[in-house]
């Protein structure tokens, strides 16, 4: 239940940011996606799910993690360029 509320809060923040600044922050979208997939993993019954589905969920987690990591690197470099 907590993760569902957290997803809702993050989505509301994204909508508020879009309405005020007319921009969507990709970092927030990645965060919502990672929370959603984490919620799916928590409520998952491994004994009833096919192995191919588990591989797919694992692939999604790896892709989201890699994307978030690369995005963080890019944002940090951009901040260093502005400050330096």
C-alpha atoms as a PDB file:
ATOM      1  CA  UNK A   1       0.000   0.000   0.000  1.00  0.00           C
ATOM      2  CA  UNK A   2       2.848   2.369   0.833  1.00  0.00           C
ATOM      3  CA  UNK A   3       4.447   1.952  -2.590  1.00  0.00           C
ATOM      4  CA  UNK A   4       1.135   2.696  -4.287  1.00  0.00           C
ATOM      5  CA  UNK A   5       0.844   5.958  -2.332  1.00  0.00           C
ATOM      6  CA  UNK A   6       4.448   6.799  -3.221  1.00  0.00           C
ATOM      7  CA  UNK A   7       3.702   6.250  -6.919  1.00  0.00           C
ATOM      8  CA  UNK A   8       0.687   8.555  -6.637  1.00  0.00           C
ATOM      9  CA  UNK A   9       2.722  11.283  -4.943  1.00  0.00           C
ATOM     10  CA  UNK A  10       5.437  11.097  -7.592  1.00  0.00           C
ATOM     11  CA  UNK A  11       2.875  11.237 -10.398  1.00  0.00           C
ATOM     12  CA  UNK A  12       1.189  14.253  -8.816  1.00  0.00           C
ATOM     13  CA  UNK A  13       4.585  15.952  -8.569  1.00  0.00           C
ATOM     14  CA  UNK A  14       5.204  15.248 -12.254  1.00  0.00           C
ATOM     15  CA  UNK A  15       1.820  16.662 -13.284  1.00  0.00           C
ATOM     16  CA  UNK A  16       2.313  19.745 -11.076  1.00  0.00           C
ATOM     17  CA  UNK A  17       5.765  20.338 -12.552  1.00  0.00           C
ATOM     18  CA  UNK A  18       4.413  19.977 -16.081  1.00  0.00           C
ATOM     19  CA  UNK A  19       1.557  22.404 -15.467  1.00  0.00           C
ATOM     20  CA  UNK A  20       3.802  25.063 -13.900  1.00  0.00           C
ATOM     21  CA  UNK A  21       6.943  24.788 -16.050  1.00  0.00           C
ATOM     22  CA  UNK A  22       5.658  22.929 -19.150  1.00  0.00           C
ATOM     23  CA  UNK A  23       8.518  20.439 -18.791  1.00  0.00           C
ATOM     24  CA  UNK A  24       8.680  16.820 -17.747  1.00  0.00           C
ATOM     25  CA  UNK A  25      11.689  15.785 -15.690  1.00  0.00           C
ATOM     26  CA  UNK A  26      12.861  12.409 -16.913  1.00  0.00           C
ATOM     27  CA  UNK A  27      14.400  11.671 -13.519  1.00  0.00           C
ATOM     28  CA  UNK A  28      10.940  11.696 -11.907  1.00  0.00           C
ATOM     29  CA  UNK A  29       9.559   9.420 -14.619  1.00  0.00           C
ATOM     30  CA  UNK A  30      12.388   6.935 -14.009  1.00  0.00           C
ATOM     31  CA  UNK A  31      11.708   7.077 -10.271  1.00  0.00           C
ATOM     32  CA  UNK A  32       8.002   6.344 -10.752  1.00  0.00           C
ATOM     33  CA  UNK A  33       8.791   3.454 -13.091  1.00  0.00           C
ATOM     34  CA  UNK A  34      11.282   1.934 -10.650  1.00  0.00           C
ATOM     35  CA  UNK A  35       8.833   2.237  -7.752  1.00  0.00           C
ATOM     36  CA  UNK A  36       6.107   0.631  -9.869  1.00  0.00           C
ATOM     37  CA  UNK A  37       8.285  -2.323 -10.869  1.00  0.00           C
ATOM     38  CA  UNK A  38       9.460  -2.716  -7.266  1.00  0.00           C
ATOM     39  CA  UNK A  39       5.821  -2.873  -6.175  1.00  0.00           C
ATOM     40  CA  UNK A  40       5.185  -5.530  -8.809  1.00  0.00           C
ATOM     41  CA  UNK A  41       8.122  -7.588  -7.546  1.00  0.00           C
ATOM     42  CA  UNK A  42       6.940  -7.320  -3.930  1.00  0.00           C
ATOM     43  CA  UNK A  43       3.423  -8.585  -4.692  1.00  0.00           C
ATOM     44  CA  UNK A  44       4.602 -11.216  -7.168  1.00  0.00           C
ATOM     45  CA  UNK A  45       3.952 -14.907  -6.413  1.00  0.00           C
ATOM     46  CA  UNK A  46       7.030 -16.575  -7.861  1.00  0.00           C
ATOM     47  CA  UNK A  47       5.497 -20.073  -7.866  1.00  0.00           C
ATOM     48  CA  UNK A  48       2.672 -19.030 -10.217  1.00  0.00           C
ATOM     49  CA  UNK A  49       4.615 -16.809 -12.624  1.00  0.00           C
ATOM     50  CA  UNK A  50       6.322 -18.309 -15.694  1.00  0.00           C
ATOM     51  CA  UNK A  51      10.089 -18.086 -15.794  1.00  0.00           C
ATOM     52  CA  UNK A  52      10.028 -16.001 -18.984  1.00  0.00           C
ATOM     53  CA  UNK A  53       7.990 -13.353 -17.151  1.00  0.00           C
ATOM     54  CA  UNK A  54      10.580 -13.259 -14.363  1.00  0.00           C
ATOM     55  CA  UNK A  55      13.331 -12.811 -16.932  1.00  0.00           C
ATOM     56  CA  UNK A  56      11.346  -9.963 -18.486  1.00  0.00           C
ATOM     57  CA  UNK A  57      10.878  -8.240 -15.137  1.00  0.00           C
ATOM     58  CA  UNK A  58      14.587  -8.630 -14.422  1.00  0.00           C
ATOM     59  CA  UNK A  59      15.406  -7.110 -17.809  1.00  0.00           C
ATOM     60  CA  UNK A  60      13.115  -4.156 -17.121  1.00  0.00           C
ATOM     61  CA  UNK A  61      14.799  -3.590 -13.751  1.00  0.00           C
ATOM     62  CA  UNK A  62      18.255  -3.668 -15.353  1.00  0.00           C
ATOM     63  CA  UNK A  63      17.202  -1.304 -18.160  1.00  0.00           C
ATOM     64  CA  UNK A  64      15.635   1.188 -15.753  1.00  0.00           C
ATOM     65  CA  UNK A  65      18.683   1.049 -13.488  1.00  0.00           C
ATOM     66  CA  UNK A  66      21.079   1.620 -16.372  1.00  0.00           C
ATOM     67  CA  UNK A  67      18.962   4.472 -17.739  1.00  0.00           C
ATOM     68  CA  UNK A  68      18.727   6.144 -14.348  1.00  0.00           C
ATOM     69  CA  UNK A  69      22.491   5.771 -13.850  1.00  0.00           C
ATOM     70  CA  UNK A  70      23.281   7.305 -17.237  1.00  0.00           C
ATOM     71  CA  UNK A  71      20.808  10.120 -16.633  1.00  0.00           C
ATOM     72  CA  UNK A  72      22.389  10.873 -13.259  1.00  0.00           C
ATOM     73  CA  UNK A  73      25.859  11.004 -14.824  1.00  0.00           C
ATOM     74  CA  UNK A  74      24.634  13.417 -17.501  1.00  0.00           C
ATOM     75  CA  UNK A  75      22.874  15.677 -14.985  1.00  0.00           C
ATOM     76  CA  UNK A  76      25.961  15.769 -12.759  1.00  0.00           C
ATOM     77  CA  UNK A  77      28.206  16.703 -15.692  1.00  0.00           C
ATOM     78  CA  UNK A  78      25.789  19.434 -16.712  1.00  0.00           C
ATOM     79  CA  UNK A  79      25.789  20.860 -13.171  1.00  0.00           C
ATOM     80  CA  UNK A  80      29.590  20.766 -13.038  1.00  0.00           C
ATOM     81  CA  UNK A  81      29.752  22.569 -16.376  1.00  0.00           C
ATOM     82  CA  UNK A  82      27.472  25.328 -15.112  1.00  0.00           C
ATOM     83  CA  UNK A  83      29.445  25.725 -11.867  1.00  0.00           C
ATOM     84  CA  UNK A  84      32.912  25.332 -13.311  1.00  0.00           C
END
